Amino acid sequence: MSTVPMGVITLYATGFKVSDIKHLIRNPVKWFSERYVERYTKDMNYGKGNTVTLENVGKPFYCATANQEEYRFHISALEDFFAFMSAKGYGKHLFEIKELSRYYPVAKAEFKWVSDKTPRPEDQVAPIEFMLKDAPKRVAELQTGSGKTLMSQYVLFKSQMRAIIIMQPQFLEGWLDKKGLEGLLGIKEPVSPGDPTDLYVVHDTRDFMDLIELAKSKTLDAKVIVVKNTVIRAYLGYYFETNGDDDKYGCAPEYLMQTLGVGIRIMEEAHLDVNLNYRMDCCFNTWKTIYLSATLSTNGSYFMRKIYEKMFPEDDCISMEYKIYTIVKGYSYHVDNPKRYKVNGFMGMYNHANFEASVLRLGKFKRYMDIVYYMMDDNYFRTYKPGQKAIIYLYRADLCIEAAKLLKQRYPNLKVTYKIGTITAEEGYSGDIIVTTLKSTGTGKDLPNVAFVGVTISINSEQTNEQVKGRARKPNDDTIPVFAYCYAQNIEKQVKYHHEKKRIFQGKVIAHQELSTGIYL
């Protein structure tokens, strides 16, 4: 006797879709999806003994149409899904199971290696060979400065198939310049009629829709497609908000890579916006997905640690021996009255923007800069050699501009610049001393000759700490680069973050020194 399926399960490379969901199982499927939403509580004390427990609900790590008639989950959740549904009385046999092959027709791309740089046998050949293996996902967790961009582009060169690179907008410039696609593969964006159309850069939704139309009409020539992740977020958002309507874009997510003829999907700086990257895995069927990052571990919640574990399984990952060449120094100072400094933000979490606002409000910014001078004089200028750079991090962009003015006055013989917002890399990174923010220069900016990094921001994230430390690079001479940070010795959360750094950097640095500036704000 035939049985009407309770739903259709469509499997693909990194995700699966549940569709045609019958009324009987709508609630169970919804209940299953709820385990992929991070929830955490915070006790808020409003005085007079009144404590209220607030629940904060994070972003969902799945996709669902607004009418809840279609769900997308990560492929790692498949067995859990069947077990959950079976426990509710709906066994695997009650579902129709389909499969989309990841071996769809892929557009060939005749890449040429135009750079005189070739992979280093000691630490780059093995990751390249690993990424070239026939597998739906490869994850390269490689230290900052190891040459992840070169290695991934060498993979494209060896694969000879069309690729799509998805990244946050701030990394676009670096991938397109002479150290990236242009310098390694000789590929650059056309600027005038008649230029080669090897590269298609998607800046916005209109570009993306045009790209899909070119692919569907068989007139897309690009070897490499570069897309801002904001465009992908809008694409997925539209599809699920409109209950699977693909009229605007002309392509459902699971068929996107096949439609574009893409063989390799490269995810730059995979630790950033893990939520979107995870949901892309839920939705896209790709011949091969490559994740690149220097930091694929997290000191976040149990929920997020499990997400990382499922998204970047050990069998799909490669890492190389960690090279230790940096000294870390933590500089303490005091504030005159901690209660005058606002440090809490949403749900009582530490907010350094609020701390900097307090420094300004209390008229302490010039004194705050004395801490920066102290760190620089103790490190950068003690061993300074012409050509060496220093990077100083503040949280607020306007304070970067003010700090640059003060640094120019104090060190008139050196060039001081700031890299924020729309300031070009050529201009912003041209200084001997560069003042910047975590957003502008926190990840993926490989600057040569950085001997000193000074961070005034209290950072707890394991990933961000590792990335910012990685801006200090091993020089060609005997100079030992220094990563320095400061913290108020009588502000509890700043001290807590200082101790967290000691844990994060244990075994990854030459030494971790604790020093006092003796400065009072």
Foldseek 3Di string as FASTA:
>chain_A
DDAAAQWAWEDFAWKIKTAPHDPVCLVLVVVVQVLQKDKDWFWDDPDPPDIDIDIDIHDGLWFAAPVRRMIFATPLCVVVSQVSVVVVPRHPVRYHYHYDYQPFFFAFAQWDFDAPDDADPVFQPVLLVLQLDQGAEAEEQEAQPNCPQLSVVVNLNVVRTAEEEEEAPLCVVVQQDLSHCCVTGVDHPDDDPPDDHQEQEADAQVSQLVLLVCLQVVNRDHSYYYYYVVRVVVVSVVCRHVVRDCPVNVDFQQCVCSSNSHAEYEYEACVPPVSSVSHSSRRYRHSYYYYYHNDLAWPDDPSVRVSSCSVCPPVNYDYDDFDAFEEEEEEEEAEPDVVQQDQADPSRDGDVVSRVVSCVVVVNVVLVCVVVVLVCVVFCVVPPDPPAAEEEEDADPVVLVVSQVVVCVVCVVWFEAEFDDPDDCVGQVPTSYYYYYCVNQQADDADPRHQEYEYAGQDQILRSVSSSSSNHDDHPDPRRGYYYYYFYPPDVVSVVSVVSVCVSCVPRYPYYYYYYPHRYD
